[in-house]
Amino acid sequence: MNGDGRTDIITPKGWFEAPADPRREAWTFHQDFDLGATGFIYVLDVNRDGAPDLLTSLAHDYGIFWMEHEKTSGKWTKHMIDNAWSQSHALTLANLAGDGRPAFVAGKRLYAHDHDPGAQEPLGLYWYEYVQNGPKRDWIRHIIDYGGSAGGGMQIPVVDLDGDGDLDIVVPGKSGVYLFENLTRTKAR
Protein backbone atom coordinates (compact mmCIF):
# COMPACT_ATOMS: atom_id res chain seq x y z
CA MET A 1 0.00 0.00 0.00
CA ASN A 2 2.87 2.38 0.74
CA GLY A 3 5.24 1.26 -1.99
CA ASP A 4 7.83 -0.37 0.27
CA GLY A 5 7.50 -3.75 -1.49
CA ARG A 6 6.11 -5.52 1.59
CA THR A 7 2.79 -7.37 1.61
CA ASP A 8 0.30 -5.33 3.61
CA ILE A 9 -3.13 -6.55 4.75
CA ILE A 10 -6.32 -4.76 3.66
CA THR A 11 -9.47 -4.87 5.81
CA PRO A 12 -12.81 -3.10 5.40
CA LYS A 13 -11.78 -0.71 8.23
CA GLY A 14 -8.25 0.17 7.04
CA TRP A 15 -4.95 -1.57 6.40
CA PHE A 16 -2.08 -3.13 8.30
CA GLU A 17 1.39 -2.05 7.23
CA ALA A 18 3.84 -4.94 7.16
CA PRO A 19 7.05 -4.37 9.15
CA ALA A 20 10.48 -5.41 7.89
CA ASP A 21 10.21 -8.60 9.95
CA PRO A 22 6.49 -9.53 10.03
CA ARG A 23 7.04 -12.37 12.53
CA ARG A 24 8.80 -10.30 15.18
CA GLU A 25 7.81 -6.67 14.67
CA ALA A 26 4.49 -4.93 15.21
CA TRP A 27 2.18 -4.26 12.29
CA THR A 28 0.96 -0.65 12.07
CA PHE A 29 -2.77 -0.20 11.50
CA HIS A 30 -3.91 2.69 9.30
CA GLN A 31 -7.61 3.45 9.74
CA ASP A 32 -7.74 5.40 6.48
CA PHE A 33 -11.21 4.28 5.35
CA ASP A 34 -14.37 2.38 6.28
CA LEU A 35 -15.58 0.34 3.33
CA GLY A 36 -18.59 -1.26 5.02
CA ALA A 37 -19.57 -4.94 4.79
CA THR A 38 -17.53 -5.72 1.71
CA GLY A 39 -16.98 -8.73 -0.44
CA PHE A 40 -13.55 -9.20 -2.00
CA ILE A 41 -11.15 -6.24 -1.85
CA TYR A 42 -8.63 -5.80 -4.67
CA VAL A 43 -5.66 -3.45 -4.69
CA LEU A 44 -4.85 -2.08 -8.13
CA ASP A 45 -3.95 1.24 -9.68
CA VAL A 46 -7.34 1.88 -11.32
CA ASN A 47 -6.58 5.34 -12.68
CA ARG A 48 -2.89 4.63 -13.42
CA ASP A 49 -1.54 7.51 -11.33
CA GLY A 50 1.01 5.37 -9.50
CA ALA A 51 -1.00 5.09 -6.25
CA PRO A 52 -2.73 1.87 -5.12
CA ASP A 53 -6.53 2.12 -5.30
CA LEU A 54 -9.12 -0.34 -3.96
CA LEU A 55 -11.92 -2.12 -5.85
CA THR A 56 -14.70 -3.77 -3.84
CA SER A 57 -18.43 -4.30 -3.40
CA LEU A 58 -21.00 -4.36 -0.63
CA ALA A 59 -21.91 -7.96 0.13
CA HIS A 60 -25.17 -7.15 1.94
CA ASP A 61 -26.32 -3.94 0.28
CA TYR A 62 -26.23 -2.05 -3.02
CA GLY A 63 -22.93 -0.90 -4.43
CA ILE A 64 -19.79 -1.74 -6.32
CA PHE A 65 -17.17 0.96 -5.98
CA TRP A 66 -13.52 1.87 -6.08
CA MET A 67 -11.58 3.94 -3.60
CA GLU A 68 -9.12 6.34 -5.18
CA HIS A 69 -5.92 6.81 -3.20
CA GLU A 70 -4.73 10.31 -3.95
CA LYS A 71 -0.96 10.04 -4.21
CA THR A 72 -0.01 13.48 -2.93
CA SER A 73 -2.48 13.89 -0.05
CA GLY A 74 -2.96 10.23 0.91
CA LYS A 75 -6.71 10.92 1.00
CA TRP A 76 -9.18 8.21 -0.11
CA THR A 77 -12.17 9.13 -2.32
CA LYS A 78 -15.07 6.75 -3.01
CA HIS A 79 -16.26 6.40 -6.63
CA MET A 80 -19.49 4.45 -7.21
CA ILE A 81 -19.33 2.07 -10.18
CA ASP A 82 -22.83 0.59 -9.93
CA ASN A 83 -25.55 0.68 -7.26
CA ALA A 84 -28.38 -0.76 -9.37
CA TRP A 85 -28.29 -4.23 -7.77
CA SER A 86 -27.32 -5.69 -4.41
CA GLN A 87 -25.47 -8.51 -2.64
CA SER A 88 -22.31 -8.74 -4.70
CA HIS A 89 -20.17 -10.97 -2.51
CA ALA A 90 -17.55 -11.83 -5.10
CA LEU A 91 -15.66 -9.82 -7.67
CA THR A 92 -13.11 -11.44 -9.93
CA LEU A 93 -10.56 -9.39 -11.82
CA ALA A 94 -10.23 -10.68 -15.36
CA ASN A 95 -8.92 -9.39 -18.67
CA LEU A 96 -11.99 -10.51 -20.63
CA ALA A 97 -11.39 -8.14 -23.53
CA GLY A 98 -7.69 -9.04 -23.75
CA ASP A 99 -6.71 -5.36 -23.80
CA GLY A 100 -4.91 -5.11 -20.45
CA ARG A 101 -7.44 -2.66 -18.99
CA PRO A 102 -9.00 -3.36 -15.59
CA ALA A 103 -12.16 -5.44 -15.85
CA PHE A 104 -14.07 -7.58 -13.41
CA VAL A 105 -16.96 -10.03 -13.16
CA ALA A 106 -19.61 -9.74 -10.43
CA GLY A 107 -23.05 -11.11 -9.71
CA LYS A 108 -25.95 -10.84 -7.30
CA ARG A 109 -25.86 -13.64 -4.75
CA LEU A 110 -29.10 -15.53 -4.17
CA TYR A 111 -30.28 -14.59 -0.67
CA ALA A 112 -27.00 -13.58 0.91
CA HIS A 113 -29.51 -12.97 3.69
CA ASP A 114 -33.22 -12.85 2.97
CA HIS A 115 -33.49 -9.53 4.87
CA ASP A 116 -30.69 -7.73 2.97
CA PRO A 117 -31.66 -4.80 0.76
CA GLY A 118 -32.63 -6.11 -2.69
CA ALA A 119 -32.80 -9.75 -1.57
CA GLN A 120 -36.03 -10.37 -3.53
CA GLU A 121 -34.77 -8.76 -6.75
CA PRO A 122 -33.74 -10.80 -9.83
CA LEU A 123 -30.33 -12.45 -10.02
CA GLY A 124 -27.77 -11.19 -12.50
CA LEU A 125 -24.23 -11.75 -13.66
CA TYR A 126 -22.22 -8.92 -15.20
CA TRP A 127 -18.77 -7.91 -16.35
CA TYR A 128 -17.48 -4.37 -16.07
CA GLU A 129 -15.06 -2.72 -18.46
CA TYR A 130 -12.96 0.30 -17.40
CA VAL A 131 -12.74 3.12 -19.92
CA GLN A 132 -10.65 6.25 -19.44
CA ASN A 133 -11.01 9.06 -21.94
CA GLY A 134 -8.71 11.88 -20.82
CA PRO A 135 -9.80 12.93 -17.34
CA LYS A 136 -13.16 11.13 -17.63
CA ARG A 137 -13.36 7.62 -16.14
CA ASP A 138 -16.25 5.23 -16.62
CA TRP A 139 -17.09 1.60 -15.93
CA ILE A 140 -19.35 0.03 -18.54
CA ARG A 141 -21.61 -2.78 -17.30
CA HIS A 142 -22.15 -5.70 -19.70
CA ILE A 143 -24.94 -8.17 -18.90
CA ILE A 144 -23.92 -11.84 -19.02
CA ASP A 145 -27.19 -13.14 -17.56
CA TYR A 146 -30.17 -11.44 -15.92
CA GLY A 147 -33.39 -12.72 -14.41
CA GLY A 148 -32.53 -16.40 -14.59
CA SER A 149 -31.35 -18.73 -11.86
CA ALA A 150 -27.61 -17.92 -12.16
CA GLY A 151 -26.05 -15.26 -9.98
CA GLY A 152 -22.77 -14.67 -8.23
CA GLY A 153 -21.92 -16.87 -5.28
CA MET A 154 -19.01 -16.59 -2.88
CA GLN A 155 -16.44 -17.01 -5.69
CA ILE A 156 -16.53 -16.51 -9.44
CA PRO A 157 -13.77 -18.49 -11.18
CA VAL A 158 -12.76 -17.00 -14.53
CA VAL A 159 -10.54 -19.36 -16.53
CA ASP A 160 -10.09 -20.78 -20.03
CA LEU A 161 -11.90 -24.07 -19.35
CA ASP A 162 -12.07 -25.29 -22.94
CA GLY A 163 -8.56 -24.27 -24.02
CA ASP A 164 -9.70 -22.02 -26.87
CA GLY A 165 -7.76 -18.95 -25.72
CA ASP A 166 -10.55 -16.94 -24.11
CA LEU A 167 -11.80 -16.76 -20.53
CA ASP A 168 -14.94 -18.62 -19.47
CA ILE A 169 -16.94 -17.88 -16.31
CA VAL A 170 -18.15 -20.34 -13.69
CA VAL A 171 -20.68 -19.26 -11.07
CA PRO A 172 -21.35 -21.64 -8.21
CA GLY A 173 -24.05 -20.57 -5.80
CA LYS A 174 -27.13 -21.54 -3.84
CA SER A 175 -29.09 -22.08 -7.05
CA GLY A 176 -26.54 -24.40 -8.69
CA VAL A 177 -23.34 -24.26 -10.72
CA TYR A 178 -23.37 -22.49 -14.09
CA LEU A 179 -20.83 -22.22 -16.90
CA PHE A 180 -20.82 -19.26 -19.25
CA GLU A 181 -18.63 -20.13 -22.21
CA ASN A 182 -16.91 -17.18 -23.84
CA LEU A 183 -17.60 -17.45 -27.57
CA THR A 184 -15.48 -14.52 -28.75
CA ARG A 185 -12.73 -16.71 -30.22
CA THR A 186 -12.95 -19.75 -32.46
CA LYS A 187 -11.29 -22.92 -31.28
CA ALA A 188 -8.06 -23.69 -33.07
CA ARG A 189 -8.31 -26.96 -34.96
C-alpha atoms as a PDB file:
ATOM      1  CA  MET A   1       0.000   0.000   0.000  1.00  0.00           C
ATOM      2  CA  ASN A   2       2.870   2.377   0.740  1.00  0.00           C
ATOM      3  CA  GLY A   3       5.244   1.264  -1.995  1.00  0.00           C
ATOM      4  CA  ASP A   4       7.833  -0.372   0.269  1.00  0.00           C
ATOM      5  CA  GLY A   5       7.503  -3.753  -1.486  1.00  0.00           C
ATOM      6  CA  ARG A   6       6.110  -5.515   1.586  1.00  0.00           C
ATOM      7  CA  THR A   7       2.793  -7.366   1.606  1.00  0.00           C
ATOM      8  CA  ASP A   8       0.299  -5.327   3.612  1.00  0.00           C
ATOM      9  CA  ILE A   9      -3.129  -6.545   4.749  1.00  0.00           C
ATOM     10  CA  ILE A  10      -6.317  -4.763   3.663  1.00  0.00           C
ATOM     11  CA  THR A  11      -9.468  -4.867   5.809  1.00  0.00           C
ATOM     12  CA  PRO A  12     -12.809  -3.102   5.404  1.00  0.00           C
ATOM     13  CA  LYS A  13     -11.781  -0.715   8.233  1.00  0.00           C
ATOM     14  CA  GLY A  14      -8.249   0.165   7.038  1.00  0.00           C
ATOM     15  CA  TRP A  15      -4.955  -1.573   6.400  1.00  0.00           C
ATOM     16  CA  PHE A  16      -2.077  -3.134   8.304  1.00  0.00           C
ATOM     17  CA  GLU A  17       1.395  -2.047   7.229  1.00  0.00           C
ATOM     18  CA  ALA A  18       3.841  -4.939   7.163  1.00  0.00           C
ATOM     19  CA  PRO A  19       7.049  -4.373   9.146  1.00  0.00           C
ATOM     20  CA  ALA A  20      10.485  -5.412   7.886  1.00  0.00           C
ATOM     21  CA  ASP A  21      10.208  -8.602   9.951  1.00  0.00           C
ATOM     22  CA  PRO A  22       6.495  -9.527  10.035  1.00  0.00           C
ATOM     23  CA  ARG A  23       7.036 -12.366  12.531  1.00  0.00           C
ATOM     24  CA  ARG A  24       8.801 -10.303  15.178  1.00  0.00           C
ATOM     25  CA  GLU A  25       7.808  -6.667  14.667  1.00  0.00           C
ATOM     26  CA  ALA A  26       4.488  -4.928  15.212  1.00  0.00           C
ATOM     27  CA  TRP A  27       2.178  -4.256  12.290  1.00  0.00           C
ATOM     28  CA  THR A  28       0.965  -0.651  12.067  1.00  0.00           C
ATOM     29  CA  PHE A  29      -2.770  -0.204  11.502  1.00  0.00           C
ATOM     30  CA  HIS A  30      -3.909   2.695   9.300  1.00  0.00           C
ATOM     31  CA  GLN A  31      -7.608   3.452   9.743  1.00  0.00           C
ATOM     32  CA  ASP A  32      -7.745   5.397   6.482  1.00  0.00           C
ATOM     33  CA  PHE A  33     -11.207   4.276   5.352  1.00  0.00           C
ATOM     34  CA  ASP A  34     -14.369   2.376   6.280  1.00  0.00           C
ATOM     35  CA  LEU A  35     -15.583   0.336   3.325  1.00  0.00           C
ATOM     36  CA  GLY A  36     -18.592  -1.256   5.023  1.00  0.00           C
ATOM     37  CA  ALA A  37     -19.568  -4.937   4.791  1.00  0.00           C
ATOM     38  CA  THR A  38     -17.527  -5.716   1.707  1.00  0.00           C
ATOM     39  CA  GLY A  39     -16.977  -8.732  -0.440  1.00  0.00           C
ATOM     40  CA  PHE A  40     -13.550  -9.199  -2.004  1.00  0.00           C
ATOM     41  CA  ILE A  41     -11.151  -6.240  -1.853  1.00  0.00           C
ATOM     42  CA  TYR A  42      -8.631  -5.804  -4.666  1.00  0.00           C
ATOM     43  CA  VAL A  43      -5.664  -3.455  -4.688  1.00  0.00           C
ATOM     44  CA  LEU A  44      -4.850  -2.077  -8.129  1.00  0.00           C
ATOM     45  CA  ASP A  45      -3.953   1.241  -9.680  1.00  0.00           C
ATOM     46  CA  VAL A  46      -7.336   1.876 -11.321  1.00  0.00           C
ATOM     47  CA  ASN A  47      -6.577   5.345 -12.679  1.00  0.00           C
ATOM     48  CA  ARG A  48      -2.892   4.634 -13.415  1.00  0.00           C
ATOM     49  CA  ASP A  49      -1.542   7.506 -11.332  1.00  0.00           C
ATOM     50  CA  GLY A  50       1.011   5.367  -9.496  1.00  0.00           C
ATOM     51  CA  ALA A  51      -1.000   5.088  -6.248  1.00  0.00           C
ATOM     52  CA  PRO A  52      -2.725   1.869  -5.123  1.00  0.00           C
ATOM     53  CA  ASP A  53      -6.525   2.117  -5.302  1.00  0.00           C
ATOM     54  CA  LEU A  54      -9.118  -0.341  -3.965  1.00  0.00           C
ATOM     55  CA  LEU A  55     -11.916  -2.116  -5.846  1.00  0.00           C
ATOM     56  CA  THR A  56     -14.697  -3.770  -3.841  1.00  0.00           C
ATOM     57  CA  SER A  57     -18.433  -4.302  -3.403  1.00  0.00           C
ATOM     58  CA  LEU A  58     -21.004  -4.361  -0.628  1.00  0.00           C
ATOM     59  CA  ALA A  59     -21.911  -7.958   0.126  1.00  0.00           C
ATOM     60  CA  HIS A  60     -25.175  -7.151   1.937  1.00  0.00           C
ATOM     61  CA  ASP A  61     -26.317  -3.938   0.280  1.00  0.00           C
ATOM     62  CA  TYR A  62     -26.230  -2.046  -3.016  1.00  0.00           C
ATOM     63  CA  GLY A  63     -22.928  -0.900  -4.430  1.00  0.00           C
ATOM     64  CA  ILE A  64     -19.786  -1.744  -6.318  1.00  0.00           C
ATOM     65  CA  PHE A  65     -17.167   0.961  -5.984  1.00  0.00           C
ATOM     66  CA  TRP A  66     -13.518   1.871  -6.083  1.00  0.00           C
ATOM     67  CA  MET A  67     -11.579   3.944  -3.603  1.00  0.00           C
ATOM     68  CA  GLU A  68      -9.122   6.344  -5.180  1.00  0.00           C
ATOM     69  CA  HIS A  69      -5.925   6.810  -3.201  1.00  0.00           C
ATOM     70  CA  GLU A  70      -4.725  10.309  -3.946  1.00  0.00           C
ATOM     71  CA  LYS A  71      -0.961  10.041  -4.214  1.00  0.00           C
ATOM     72  CA  THR A  72      -0.007  13.483  -2.929  1.00  0.00           C
ATOM     73  CA  SER A  73      -2.484  13.893  -0.050  1.00  0.00           C
ATOM     74  CA  GLY A  74      -2.955  10.230   0.912  1.00  0.00           C
ATOM     75  CA  LYS A  75      -6.710  10.921   1.000  1.00  0.00           C
ATOM     76  CA  TRP A  76      -9.182   8.210  -0.107  1.00  0.00           C
ATOM     77  CA  THR A  77     -12.170   9.126  -2.319  1.00  0.00           C
ATOM     78  CA  LYS A  78     -15.069   6.753  -3.005  1.00  0.00           C
ATOM     79  CA  HIS A  79     -16.260   6.403  -6.633  1.00  0.00           C
ATOM     80  CA  MET A  80     -19.486   4.451  -7.212  1.00  0.00           C
ATOM     81  CA  ILE A  81     -19.332   2.069 -10.181  1.00  0.00           C
ATOM     82  CA  ASP A  82     -22.828   0.588  -9.926  1.00  0.00           C
ATOM     83  CA  ASN A  83     -25.549   0.683  -7.262  1.00  0.00           C
ATOM     84  CA  ALA A  84     -28.381  -0.765  -9.374  1.00  0.00           C
ATOM     85  CA  TRP A  85     -28.289  -4.227  -7.771  1.00  0.00           C
ATOM     86  CA  SER A  86     -27.324  -5.694  -4.410  1.00  0.00           C
ATOM     87  CA  GLN A  87     -25.472  -8.510  -2.639  1.00  0.00           C
ATOM     88  CA  SER A  88     -22.308  -8.739  -4.700  1.00  0.00           C
ATOM     89  CA  HIS A  89     -20.172 -10.975  -2.514  1.00  0.00           C
ATOM     90  CA  ALA A  90     -17.546 -11.825  -5.098  1.00  0.00           C
ATOM     91  CA  LEU A  91     -15.663  -9.818  -7.667  1.00  0.00           C
ATOM     92  CA  THR A  92     -13.108 -11.442  -9.929  1.00  0.00           C
ATOM     93  CA  LEU A  93     -10.565  -9.386 -11.821  1.00  0.00           C
ATOM     94  CA  ALA A  94     -10.228 -10.677 -15.364  1.00  0.00           C
ATOM     95  CA  ASN A  95      -8.918  -9.394 -18.667  1.00  0.00           C
ATOM     96  CA  LEU A  96     -11.986 -10.510 -20.627  1.00  0.00           C
ATOM     97  CA  ALA A  97     -11.386  -8.142 -23.527  1.00  0.00           C
ATOM     98  CA  GLY A  98      -7.691  -9.039 -23.748  1.00  0.00           C
ATOM     99  CA  ASP A  99      -6.708  -5.362 -23.796  1.00  0.00           C
ATOM    100  CA  GLY A 100      -4.910  -5.105 -20.446  1.00  0.00           C
ATOM    101  CA  ARG A 101      -7.441  -2.656 -18.988  1.00  0.00           C
ATOM    102  CA  PRO A 102      -9.000  -3.357 -15.594  1.00  0.00           C
ATOM    103  CA  ALA A 103     -12.156  -5.436 -15.849  1.00  0.00           C
ATOM    104  CA  PHE A 104     -14.074  -7.582 -13.413  1.00  0.00           C
ATOM    105  CA  VAL A 105     -16.956 -10.031 -13.161  1.00  0.00           C
ATOM    106  CA  ALA A 106     -19.607  -9.736 -10.426  1.00  0.00           C
ATOM    107  CA  GLY A 107     -23.045 -11.110  -9.714  1.00  0.00           C
ATOM    108  CA  LYS A 108     -25.954 -10.844  -7.299  1.00  0.00           C
ATOM    109  CA  ARG A 109     -25.856 -13.635  -4.748  1.00  0.00           C
ATOM    110  CA  LEU A 110     -29.096 -15.531  -4.165  1.00  0.00           C
ATOM    111  CA  TYR A 111     -30.281 -14.591  -0.674  1.00  0.00           C
ATOM    112  CA  ALA A 112     -27.005 -13.585   0.912  1.00  0.00           C
ATOM    113  CA  HIS A 113     -29.514 -12.975   3.686  1.00  0.00           C
ATOM    114  CA  ASP A 114     -33.221 -12.846   2.969  1.00  0.00           C
ATOM    115  CA  HIS A 115     -33.486  -9.535   4.872  1.00  0.00           C
ATOM    116  CA  ASP A 116     -30.690  -7.733   2.969  1.00  0.00           C
ATOM    117  CA  PRO A 117     -31.661  -4.803   0.759  1.00  0.00           C
ATOM    118  CA  GLY A 118     -32.627  -6.107  -2.687  1.00  0.00           C
ATOM    119  CA  ALA A 119     -32.798  -9.755  -1.574  1.00  0.00           C
ATOM    120  CA  GLN A 120     -36.032 -10.367  -3.530  1.00  0.00           C
ATOM    121  CA  GLU A 121     -34.775  -8.765  -6.749  1.00  0.00           C
ATOM    122  CA  PRO A 122     -33.742 -10.799  -9.831  1.00  0.00           C
ATOM    123  CA  LEU A 123     -30.326 -12.449 -10.024  1.00  0.00           C
ATOM    124  CA  GLY A 124     -27.775 -11.185 -12.502  1.00  0.00           C
ATOM    125  CA  LEU A 125     -24.226 -11.754 -13.659  1.00  0.00           C
ATOM    126  CA  TYR A 126     -22.217  -8.920 -15.196  1.00  0.00           C
ATOM    127  CA  TRP A 127     -18.773  -7.907 -16.353  1.00  0.00           C
ATOM    128  CA  TYR A 128     -17.476  -4.374 -16.073  1.00  0.00           C
ATOM    129  CA  GLU A 129     -15.065  -2.715 -18.456  1.00  0.00           C
ATOM    130  CA  TYR A 130     -12.963   0.297 -17.402  1.00  0.00           C
ATOM    131  CA  VAL A 131     -12.737   3.121 -19.923  1.00  0.00           C
ATOM    132  CA  GLN A 132     -10.652   6.248 -19.439  1.00  0.00           C
ATOM    133  CA  ASN A 133     -11.011   9.056 -21.943  1.00  0.00           C
ATOM    134  CA  GLY A 134      -8.713  11.880 -20.821  1.00  0.00           C
ATOM    135  CA  PRO A 135      -9.796  12.928 -17.338  1.00  0.00           C
ATOM    136  CA  LYS A 136     -13.155  11.129 -17.635  1.00  0.00           C
ATOM    137  CA  ARG A 137     -13.358   7.623 -16.136  1.00  0.00           C
ATOM    138  CA  ASP A 138     -16.253   5.229 -16.623  1.00  0.00           C
ATOM    139  CA  TRP A 139     -17.089   1.602 -15.929  1.00  0.00           C
ATOM    140  CA  ILE A 140     -19.355   0.029 -18.539  1.00  0.00           C
ATOM    141  CA  ARG A 141     -21.607  -2.783 -17.303  1.00  0.00           C
ATOM    142  CA  HIS A 142     -22.146  -5.701 -19.698  1.00  0.00           C
ATOM    143  CA  ILE A 143     -24.936  -8.165 -18.898  1.00  0.00           C
ATOM    144  CA  ILE A 144     -23.918 -11.837 -19.023  1.00  0.00           C
ATOM    145  CA  ASP A 145     -27.188 -13.137 -17.565  1.00  0.00           C
ATOM    146  CA  TYR A 146     -30.168 -11.435 -15.924  1.00  0.00           C
ATOM    147  CA  GLY A 147     -33.390 -12.715 -14.414  1.00  0.00           C
ATOM    148  CA  GLY A 148     -32.533 -16.403 -14.591  1.00  0.00           C
ATOM    149  CA  SER A 149     -31.345 -18.732 -11.863  1.00  0.00           C
ATOM    150  CA  ALA A 150     -27.612 -17.915 -12.156  1.00  0.00           C
ATOM    151  CA  GLY A 151     -26.045 -15.261  -9.982  1.00  0.00           C
ATOM    152  CA  GLY A 152     -22.772 -14.666  -8.230  1.00  0.00           C
ATOM    153  CA  GLY A 153     -21.923 -16.867  -5.282  1.00  0.00           C
ATOM    154  CA  MET A 154     -19.008 -16.594  -2.877  1.00  0.00           C
ATOM    155  CA  GLN A 155     -16.440 -17.007  -5.687  1.00  0.00           C
ATOM    156  CA  ILE A 156     -16.535 -16.513  -9.443  1.00  0.00           C
ATOM    157  CA  PRO A 157     -13.770 -18.489 -11.180  1.00  0.00           C
ATOM    158  CA  VAL A 158     -12.755 -17.002 -14.535  1.00  0.00           C
ATOM    159  CA  VAL A 159     -10.538 -19.357 -16.533  1.00  0.00           C
ATOM    160  CA  ASP A 160     -10.092 -20.778 -20.025  1.00  0.00           C
ATOM    161  CA  LEU A 161     -11.896 -24.067 -19.354  1.00  0.00           C
ATOM    162  CA  ASP A 162     -12.073 -25.292 -22.940  1.00  0.00           C
ATOM    163  CA  GLY A 163      -8.562 -24.274 -24.023  1.00  0.00           C
ATOM    164  CA  ASP A 164      -9.696 -22.022 -26.870  1.00  0.00           C
ATOM    165  CA  GLY A 165      -7.759 -18.946 -25.721  1.00  0.00           C
ATOM    166  CA  ASP A 166     -10.550 -16.945 -24.107  1.00  0.00           C
ATOM    167  CA  LEU A 167     -11.798 -16.765 -20.526  1.00  0.00           C
ATOM    168  CA  ASP A 168     -14.944 -18.622 -19.469  1.00  0.00           C
ATOM    169  CA  ILE A 169     -16.941 -17.883 -16.312  1.00  0.00           C
ATOM    170  CA  VAL A 170     -18.150 -20.342 -13.691  1.00  0.00           C
ATOM    171  CA  VAL A 171     -20.676 -19.256 -11.069  1.00  0.00           C
ATOM    172  CA  PRO A 172     -21.354 -21.643  -8.210  1.00  0.00           C
ATOM    173  CA  GLY A 173     -24.049 -20.566  -5.803  1.00  0.00           C
ATOM    174  CA  LYS A 174     -27.128 -21.539  -3.837  1.00  0.00           C
ATOM    175  CA  SER A 175     -29.092 -22.078  -7.054  1.00  0.00           C
ATOM    176  CA  GLY A 176     -26.539 -24.404  -8.688  1.00  0.00           C
ATOM    177  CA  VAL A 177     -23.338 -24.259 -10.724  1.00  0.00           C
ATOM    178  CA  TYR A 178     -23.373 -22.488 -14.092  1.00  0.00           C
ATOM    179  CA  LEU A 179     -20.834 -22.224 -16.899  1.00  0.00           C
ATOM    180  CA  PHE A 180     -20.823 -19.258 -19.245  1.00  0.00           C
ATOM    181  CA  GLU A 181     -18.629 -20.127 -22.206  1.00  0.00           C
ATOM    182  CA  ASN A 182     -16.911 -17.179 -23.844  1.00  0.00           C
ATOM    183  CA  LEU A 183     -17.600 -17.455 -27.574  1.00  0.00           C
ATOM    184  CA  THR A 184     -15.482 -14.519 -28.746  1.00  0.00           C
ATOM    185  CA  ARG A 185     -12.734 -16.714 -30.218  1.00  0.00           C
ATOM    186  CA  THR A 186     -12.955 -19.749 -32.464  1.00  0.00           C
ATOM    187  CA  LYS A 187     -11.292 -22.924 -31.283  1.00  0.00           C
ATOM    188  CA  ALA A 188      -8.059 -23.685 -33.075  1.00  0.00           C
ATOM    189  CA  ARG A 189      -8.309 -26.965 -34.961  1.00  0.00           C
END
